[in-house]
Amino acid sequence: MRVGILAVVAAFVVALSAGCASGSAGSSASASPQPAPTNPDLGAVLENFYQQIEDEHWSFAYAMLSARYRARVSQSAFVDRYRDIAGLNATIVQDTSSRVVQVTLAGTRVGDPAKHVDEVERVRLAWDGQEWTIDDIRRASR
């Protein structure tokens, strides 16, 4: 009886190990760089980005930046860039032939609702082999 239980436990451990090994192989295959999609919907990426900002999920929004951009802009500087905009409304205009997307930001200044925000950001996106990242943001007043 005891040998039978040990055999069942051993079979279970072997089956579990095989499942983990195949799961590991699958995840490493998905981690290999992929070519950039043709005709990407970069607007959807930016909708997610600005939603994270509006909801003040700063770490999630910051994680959407490319490593190159994060090397130039600290997370605290990034947060300071958006934190003072209340009621953020981001309107995204994508030129389908470009990886640069224009975004109009509207809202009011925190602490001064009479002061309106009306600015344009030109956002450049880059494919990192797995997903689209935000590689640069240039802002100008309208």
N, C-alpha and C. Protein backbone atom coordinates (compact mmCIF):
# COMPACT_ATOMS: atom_id res chain seq x y z
N MET A 1 0.82 -1.19 0.00
CA MET A 1 0.00 0.00 0.00
C MET A 1 0.86 1.25 0.00
N ARG A 2 1.90 1.26 0.84
CA ARG A 2 2.77 2.42 0.91
C ARG A 2 3.51 2.63 -0.40
N VAL A 3 3.94 1.57 -1.06
CA VAL A 3 4.62 1.68 -2.34
C VAL A 3 3.66 2.27 -3.37
N GLY A 4 2.41 1.91 -3.34
CA GLY A 4 1.42 2.43 -4.27
C GLY A 4 1.25 3.95 -4.11
N ILE A 5 1.20 4.43 -2.90
CA ILE A 5 1.06 5.87 -2.64
C ILE A 5 2.30 6.61 -3.12
N LEU A 6 3.48 6.05 -2.83
CA LEU A 6 4.71 6.69 -3.29
C LEU A 6 4.77 6.74 -4.81
N ALA A 7 4.30 5.71 -5.47
CA ALA A 7 4.29 5.69 -6.94
C ALA A 7 3.36 6.77 -7.48
N VAL A 8 2.21 6.94 -6.85
CA VAL A 8 1.26 7.96 -7.28
C VAL A 8 1.86 9.35 -7.07
N VAL A 9 2.48 9.56 -5.91
CA VAL A 9 3.10 10.86 -5.63
C VAL A 9 4.23 11.12 -6.62
N ALA A 10 5.05 10.12 -6.90
CA ALA A 10 6.16 10.29 -7.84
C ALA A 10 5.62 10.60 -9.23
N ALA A 11 4.57 9.92 -9.65
CA ALA A 11 3.97 10.18 -10.96
C ALA A 11 3.42 11.60 -11.03
N PHE A 12 2.82 12.05 -9.94
CA PHE A 12 2.28 13.40 -9.88
C PHE A 12 3.41 14.43 -9.99
N VAL A 13 4.51 14.21 -9.28
CA VAL A 13 5.65 15.13 -9.32
C VAL A 13 6.24 15.18 -10.73
N VAL A 14 6.37 14.02 -11.38
CA VAL A 14 6.89 13.98 -12.74
C VAL A 14 5.95 14.73 -13.69
N ALA A 15 4.67 14.51 -13.57
CA ALA A 15 3.70 15.20 -14.43
C ALA A 15 3.74 16.71 -14.19
N LEU A 16 3.84 17.10 -12.94
CA LEU A 16 3.91 18.51 -12.61
C LEU A 16 5.18 19.14 -13.17
N SER A 17 6.30 18.44 -13.04
CA SER A 17 7.57 18.94 -13.58
C SER A 17 7.50 19.07 -15.09
N ALA A 18 6.89 18.14 -15.75
CA ALA A 18 6.78 18.20 -17.21
C ALA A 18 5.92 19.39 -17.62
N GLY A 19 4.86 19.64 -16.87
CA GLY A 19 4.01 20.79 -17.16
C GLY A 19 4.75 22.09 -16.95
N CYS A 20 5.56 22.17 -15.89
CA CYS A 20 6.35 23.38 -15.64
C CYS A 20 7.39 23.57 -16.71
N ALA A 21 8.02 22.49 -17.14
CA ALA A 21 9.05 22.60 -18.17
C ALA A 21 8.45 23.07 -19.48
N SER A 22 7.30 22.53 -19.85
CA SER A 22 6.69 22.99 -21.10
C SER A 22 6.21 24.42 -20.98
N GLY A 23 5.78 24.83 -19.78
CA GLY A 23 5.39 26.23 -19.56
C GLY A 23 6.58 27.14 -19.67
N SER A 24 7.74 26.70 -19.16
CA SER A 24 8.94 27.52 -19.26
C SER A 24 9.38 27.66 -20.69
N ALA A 25 9.32 26.57 -21.44
CA ALA A 25 9.73 26.64 -22.84
C ALA A 25 8.81 27.58 -23.60
N GLY A 26 7.53 27.54 -23.29
CA GLY A 26 6.59 28.42 -23.98
C GLY A 26 6.84 29.88 -23.67
N SER A 27 7.19 30.18 -22.40
CA SER A 27 7.40 31.57 -22.06
C SER A 27 8.70 32.09 -22.65
N SER A 28 9.75 31.26 -22.76
CA SER A 28 10.98 31.75 -23.35
C SER A 28 10.81 31.96 -24.85
N ALA A 29 9.98 31.16 -25.48
CA ALA A 29 9.73 31.35 -26.91
C ALA A 29 8.98 32.66 -27.14
N SER A 30 8.06 33.00 -26.22
CA SER A 30 7.31 34.24 -26.40
C SER A 30 8.15 35.46 -26.05
N ALA A 31 9.27 35.25 -25.32
CA ALA A 31 10.13 36.37 -24.95
C ALA A 31 11.11 36.73 -26.05
N SER A 32 11.22 35.91 -27.08
CA SER A 32 12.14 36.26 -28.16
C SER A 32 11.59 37.43 -28.95
N PRO A 33 12.47 38.31 -29.43
CA PRO A 33 12.00 39.51 -30.15
C PRO A 33 11.14 39.15 -31.37
N GLN A 34 10.11 39.92 -31.55
CA GLN A 34 9.20 39.75 -32.67
C GLN A 34 9.28 41.00 -33.55
N PRO A 35 9.01 40.85 -34.85
CA PRO A 35 8.99 42.05 -35.70
C PRO A 35 7.82 42.96 -35.32
N ALA A 36 7.99 44.24 -35.56
CA ALA A 36 6.93 45.20 -35.26
C ALA A 36 5.72 44.92 -36.12
N PRO A 37 4.52 45.01 -35.56
CA PRO A 37 3.31 44.81 -36.34
C PRO A 37 3.18 45.87 -37.44
N THR A 38 2.62 45.46 -38.55
CA THR A 38 2.35 46.44 -39.61
C THR A 38 1.01 47.10 -39.29
N ASN A 39 0.88 48.38 -39.60
CA ASN A 39 -0.33 49.16 -39.34
C ASN A 39 -0.81 49.04 -37.89
N PRO A 40 0.06 49.35 -36.93
CA PRO A 40 -0.33 49.21 -35.52
C PRO A 40 -1.33 50.28 -35.11
N ASP A 41 -2.13 49.96 -34.12
CA ASP A 41 -3.06 50.93 -33.54
C ASP A 41 -2.36 51.58 -32.35
N LEU A 42 -1.53 52.56 -32.65
CA LEU A 42 -0.78 53.24 -31.59
C LEU A 42 -1.70 54.07 -30.71
N GLY A 43 -2.84 54.46 -31.25
CA GLY A 43 -3.81 55.19 -30.45
C GLY A 43 -4.26 54.39 -29.23
N ALA A 44 -4.42 53.09 -29.39
CA ALA A 44 -4.84 52.24 -28.27
C ALA A 44 -3.75 52.20 -27.19
N VAL A 45 -2.50 52.17 -27.62
CA VAL A 45 -1.39 52.19 -26.65
C VAL A 45 -1.44 53.49 -25.86
N LEU A 46 -1.62 54.60 -26.57
CA LEU A 46 -1.64 55.89 -25.89
C LEU A 46 -2.90 56.09 -25.05
N GLU A 47 -4.02 55.54 -25.46
CA GLU A 47 -5.22 55.61 -24.62
C GLU A 47 -4.94 54.96 -23.27
N ASN A 48 -4.29 53.81 -23.31
CA ASN A 48 -3.93 53.12 -22.07
C ASN A 48 -2.97 53.97 -21.25
N PHE A 49 -1.96 54.54 -21.89
CA PHE A 49 -0.97 55.38 -21.22
C PHE A 49 -1.63 56.56 -20.51
N TYR A 50 -2.44 57.32 -21.23
CA TYR A 50 -3.06 58.50 -20.62
C TYR A 50 -4.13 58.12 -19.60
N GLN A 51 -4.75 56.96 -19.73
CA GLN A 51 -5.68 56.49 -18.71
C GLN A 51 -4.94 56.21 -17.41
N GLN A 52 -3.75 55.61 -17.53
CA GLN A 52 -2.93 55.36 -16.33
C GLN A 52 -2.58 56.68 -15.65
N ILE A 53 -2.26 57.70 -16.45
CA ILE A 53 -1.93 59.01 -15.91
C ILE A 53 -3.15 59.63 -15.24
N GLU A 54 -4.28 59.60 -15.92
CA GLU A 54 -5.51 60.18 -15.37
C GLU A 54 -5.87 59.52 -14.04
N ASP A 55 -5.66 58.22 -13.95
CA ASP A 55 -5.99 57.47 -12.72
C ASP A 55 -4.86 57.53 -11.68
N GLU A 56 -3.79 58.28 -12.01
CA GLU A 56 -2.63 58.43 -11.14
C GLU A 56 -1.94 57.12 -10.82
N HIS A 57 -1.92 56.22 -11.78
CA HIS A 57 -1.16 54.97 -11.68
C HIS A 57 0.22 55.25 -12.28
N TRP A 58 0.99 56.04 -11.54
CA TRP A 58 2.24 56.57 -12.07
C TRP A 58 3.23 55.49 -12.45
N SER A 59 3.37 54.46 -11.63
CA SER A 59 4.36 53.42 -11.93
C SER A 59 4.00 52.65 -13.19
N PHE A 60 2.70 52.43 -13.43
CA PHE A 60 2.29 51.73 -14.65
C PHE A 60 2.54 52.59 -15.88
N ALA A 61 2.21 53.88 -15.79
CA ALA A 61 2.45 54.78 -16.92
C ALA A 61 3.95 54.90 -17.18
N TYR A 62 4.74 55.03 -16.13
CA TYR A 62 6.19 55.16 -16.29
C TYR A 62 6.78 53.89 -16.90
N ALA A 63 6.24 52.74 -16.55
CA ALA A 63 6.73 51.48 -17.11
C ALA A 63 6.46 51.37 -18.61
N MET A 64 5.53 52.16 -19.13
CA MET A 64 5.23 52.13 -20.56
C MET A 64 6.25 52.92 -21.37
N LEU A 65 7.15 53.64 -20.69
CA LEU A 65 8.19 54.39 -21.37
C LEU A 65 9.32 53.44 -21.77
N SER A 66 9.99 53.76 -22.86
CA SER A 66 11.13 52.94 -23.28
C SER A 66 12.27 53.11 -22.27
N ALA A 67 13.17 52.14 -22.26
CA ALA A 67 14.33 52.23 -21.37
C ALA A 67 15.15 53.47 -21.69
N ARG A 68 15.25 53.80 -22.96
CA ARG A 68 16.00 54.98 -23.38
C ARG A 68 15.38 56.26 -22.81
N TYR A 69 14.05 56.36 -22.84
CA TYR A 69 13.37 57.56 -22.32
C TYR A 69 13.45 57.61 -20.80
N ARG A 70 13.29 56.45 -20.14
CA ARG A 70 13.40 56.41 -18.68
C ARG A 70 14.80 56.80 -18.22
N ALA A 71 15.82 56.53 -19.04
CA ALA A 71 17.19 56.93 -18.69
C ALA A 71 17.34 58.45 -18.69
N ARG A 72 16.52 59.14 -19.46
CA ARG A 72 16.58 60.61 -19.55
C ARG A 72 15.65 61.31 -18.57
N VAL A 73 14.55 60.64 -18.18
CA VAL A 73 13.53 61.28 -17.35
C VAL A 73 13.27 60.40 -16.12
N SER A 74 13.51 60.96 -14.95
CA SER A 74 13.24 60.20 -13.72
C SER A 74 11.74 60.05 -13.53
N GLN A 75 11.36 59.09 -12.68
CA GLN A 75 9.93 58.90 -12.43
C GLN A 75 9.34 60.13 -11.75
N SER A 76 10.07 60.76 -10.84
CA SER A 76 9.52 61.94 -10.17
C SER A 76 9.34 63.10 -11.16
N ALA A 77 10.28 63.28 -12.10
CA ALA A 77 10.11 64.33 -13.12
C ALA A 77 8.93 64.02 -14.02
N PHE A 78 8.75 62.74 -14.33
CA PHE A 78 7.63 62.31 -15.15
C PHE A 78 6.31 62.61 -14.44
N VAL A 79 6.21 62.27 -13.18
CA VAL A 79 4.99 62.53 -12.40
C VAL A 79 4.72 64.03 -12.33
N ASP A 80 5.76 64.81 -12.08
CA ASP A 80 5.59 66.27 -12.00
C ASP A 80 5.03 66.85 -13.30
N ARG A 81 5.34 66.22 -14.41
CA ARG A 81 4.89 66.70 -15.72
C ARG A 81 3.36 66.68 -15.84
N TYR A 82 2.72 65.72 -15.18
CA TYR A 82 1.27 65.53 -15.33
C TYR A 82 0.46 65.77 -14.06
N ARG A 83 1.08 65.70 -12.91
CA ARG A 83 0.36 65.72 -11.64
C ARG A 83 -0.49 66.97 -11.46
N ASP A 84 -0.09 68.10 -12.05
CA ASP A 84 -0.82 69.34 -11.82
C ASP A 84 -1.97 69.57 -12.80
N ILE A 85 -2.32 68.55 -13.59
CA ILE A 85 -3.45 68.69 -14.52
C ILE A 85 -4.65 67.93 -13.94
N ALA A 86 -5.72 68.67 -13.66
CA ALA A 86 -6.96 68.06 -13.15
C ALA A 86 -7.92 67.84 -14.32
N GLY A 87 -8.67 66.77 -14.26
CA GLY A 87 -9.65 66.49 -15.31
C GLY A 87 -9.00 66.31 -16.66
N LEU A 88 -7.88 65.60 -16.69
CA LEU A 88 -7.13 65.41 -17.93
C LEU A 88 -8.00 64.78 -19.02
N ASN A 89 -8.00 65.40 -20.17
CA ASN A 89 -8.67 64.87 -21.35
C ASN A 89 -7.64 64.84 -22.47
N ALA A 90 -7.27 63.65 -22.89
CA ALA A 90 -6.27 63.49 -23.94
C ALA A 90 -6.96 63.08 -25.23
N THR A 91 -6.80 63.89 -26.27
CA THR A 91 -7.37 63.59 -27.59
C THR A 91 -6.22 63.15 -28.48
N ILE A 92 -6.32 61.95 -29.02
CA ILE A 92 -5.23 61.33 -29.76
C ILE A 92 -5.52 61.39 -31.25
N VAL A 93 -4.53 61.88 -32.01
CA VAL A 93 -4.64 61.93 -33.47
C VAL A 93 -3.45 61.16 -34.03
N GLN A 94 -3.73 60.02 -34.64
CA GLN A 94 -2.65 59.19 -35.16
C GLN A 94 -2.54 59.33 -36.66
N ASP A 95 -1.33 59.63 -37.10
CA ASP A 95 -1.01 59.59 -38.52
C ASP A 95 -0.61 58.14 -38.79
N THR A 96 -1.37 57.43 -39.58
CA THR A 96 -1.16 55.99 -39.75
C THR A 96 0.17 55.66 -40.43
N SER A 97 0.83 56.64 -41.03
CA SER A 97 2.10 56.35 -41.69
C SER A 97 3.29 56.66 -40.78
N SER A 98 3.04 56.97 -39.53
CA SER A 98 4.11 57.43 -38.65
C SER A 98 4.02 56.78 -37.28
N ARG A 99 5.16 56.74 -36.61
CA ARG A 99 5.19 56.27 -35.22
C ARG A 99 5.16 57.45 -34.26
N VAL A 100 4.88 58.63 -34.79
CA VAL A 100 4.73 59.82 -33.97
C VAL A 100 3.25 60.18 -33.94
N VAL A 101 2.72 60.34 -32.75
CA VAL A 101 1.29 60.58 -32.56
C VAL A 101 1.13 61.92 -31.84
N GLN A 102 0.18 62.70 -32.31
CA GLN A 102 -0.11 63.99 -31.67
C GLN A 102 -1.24 63.79 -30.68
N VAL A 103 -1.06 64.36 -29.49
CA VAL A 103 -2.05 64.25 -28.43
C VAL A 103 -2.32 65.66 -27.89
N THR A 104 -3.60 66.03 -27.87
CA THR A 104 -3.99 67.31 -27.29
C THR A 104 -4.42 67.07 -25.85
N LEU A 105 -3.81 67.81 -24.92
CA LEU A 105 -4.15 67.69 -23.51
C LEU A 105 -5.00 68.88 -23.09
N ALA A 106 -6.10 68.59 -22.44
CA ALA A 106 -6.97 69.65 -21.93
C ALA A 106 -7.32 69.31 -20.49
N GLY A 107 -7.59 70.33 -19.72
CA GLY A 107 -7.96 70.17 -18.33
C GLY A 107 -7.77 71.50 -17.63
N THR A 108 -7.64 71.45 -16.32
CA THR A 108 -7.37 72.66 -15.54
C THR A 108 -6.19 72.37 -14.62
N ARG A 109 -5.59 73.42 -14.11
CA ARG A 109 -4.48 73.26 -13.17
C ARG A 109 -5.02 72.92 -11.79
N VAL A 110 -4.41 71.96 -11.15
CA VAL A 110 -4.77 71.60 -9.78
C VAL A 110 -4.55 72.82 -8.90
N GLY A 111 -5.54 73.14 -8.10
CA GLY A 111 -5.45 74.29 -7.20
C GLY A 111 -5.83 75.61 -7.84
N ASP A 112 -6.02 75.62 -9.16
CA ASP A 112 -6.41 76.85 -9.86
C ASP A 112 -7.32 76.47 -11.03
N PRO A 113 -8.57 76.08 -10.72
CA PRO A 113 -9.48 75.60 -11.77
C PRO A 113 -9.80 76.64 -12.84
N ALA A 114 -9.50 77.91 -12.59
CA ALA A 114 -9.74 78.93 -13.61
C ALA A 114 -8.65 78.91 -14.68
N LYS A 115 -7.52 78.27 -14.38
CA LYS A 115 -6.42 78.22 -15.34
C LYS A 115 -6.53 76.93 -16.16
N HIS A 116 -6.83 77.10 -17.44
CA HIS A 116 -7.04 75.95 -18.32
C HIS A 116 -5.74 75.47 -18.94
N VAL A 117 -5.67 74.16 -19.13
CA VAL A 117 -4.54 73.54 -19.81
C VAL A 117 -4.97 73.28 -21.25
N ASP A 118 -4.16 73.71 -22.18
CA ASP A 118 -4.41 73.47 -23.61
C ASP A 118 -3.05 73.30 -24.27
N GLU A 119 -2.56 72.08 -24.27
CA GLU A 119 -1.23 71.78 -24.76
C GLU A 119 -1.25 70.62 -25.73
N VAL A 120 -0.20 70.52 -26.52
CA VAL A 120 -0.06 69.44 -27.48
C VAL A 120 1.20 68.66 -27.16
N GLU A 121 1.08 67.35 -27.14
CA GLU A 121 2.26 66.50 -27.00
C GLU A 121 2.44 65.72 -28.30
N ARG A 122 3.68 65.66 -28.76
CA ARG A 122 4.04 64.80 -29.88
C ARG A 122 4.78 63.62 -29.27
N VAL A 123 4.17 62.45 -29.39
CA VAL A 123 4.67 61.25 -28.73
C VAL A 123 5.23 60.30 -29.80
N ARG A 124 6.49 59.94 -29.62
CA ARG A 124 7.12 58.97 -30.53
C ARG A 124 7.14 57.61 -29.84
N LEU A 125 6.66 56.61 -30.55
CA LEU A 125 6.62 55.25 -30.01
C LEU A 125 7.68 54.40 -30.68
N ALA A 126 8.14 53.38 -29.95
CA ALA A 126 9.14 52.46 -30.47
C ALA A 126 8.73 51.03 -30.13
N TRP A 127 9.03 50.12 -31.02
CA TRP A 127 8.77 48.70 -30.80
C TRP A 127 10.01 48.10 -30.14
N ASP A 128 9.84 47.43 -29.00
CA ASP A 128 10.99 46.87 -28.29
C ASP A 128 11.18 45.38 -28.54
N GLY A 129 10.47 44.84 -29.50
CA GLY A 129 10.55 43.41 -29.78
C GLY A 129 9.41 42.63 -29.16
N GLN A 130 8.70 43.24 -28.22
CA GLN A 130 7.56 42.60 -27.55
C GLN A 130 6.33 43.48 -27.54
N GLU A 131 6.54 44.79 -27.37
CA GLU A 131 5.41 45.70 -27.24
C GLU A 131 5.84 47.11 -27.64
N TRP A 132 4.86 47.98 -27.82
CA TRP A 132 5.12 49.37 -28.12
C TRP A 132 5.45 50.11 -26.83
N THR A 133 6.48 50.93 -26.88
CA THR A 133 6.85 51.76 -25.74
C THR A 133 6.87 53.23 -26.18
N ILE A 134 6.79 54.11 -25.23
CA ILE A 134 6.83 55.53 -25.51
C ILE A 134 8.29 55.96 -25.42
N ASP A 135 8.82 56.42 -26.56
CA ASP A 135 10.24 56.68 -26.67
C ASP A 135 10.60 58.16 -26.53
N ASP A 136 9.62 59.04 -26.67
CA ASP A 136 9.88 60.46 -26.50
C ASP A 136 8.54 61.20 -26.42
N ILE A 137 8.52 62.27 -25.62
CA ILE A 137 7.34 63.12 -25.51
C ILE A 137 7.82 64.56 -25.57
N ARG A 138 7.31 65.29 -26.54
CA ARG A 138 7.61 66.73 -26.67
C ARG A 138 6.32 67.50 -26.47
N ARG A 139 6.35 68.49 -25.60
CA ARG A 139 5.14 69.24 -25.28
C ARG A 139 5.28 70.69 -25.74
N ALA A 140 4.17 71.26 -26.23
CA ALA A 140 4.12 72.66 -26.61
C ALA A 140 2.74 73.20 -26.28
N SER A 141 2.69 74.46 -25.91
CA SER A 141 1.39 75.11 -25.69
C SER A 141 0.76 75.41 -27.04
N ARG A 142 -0.58 75.42 -27.06
CA ARG A 142 -1.26 75.74 -28.33
C ARG A 142 -1.61 77.19 -28.38
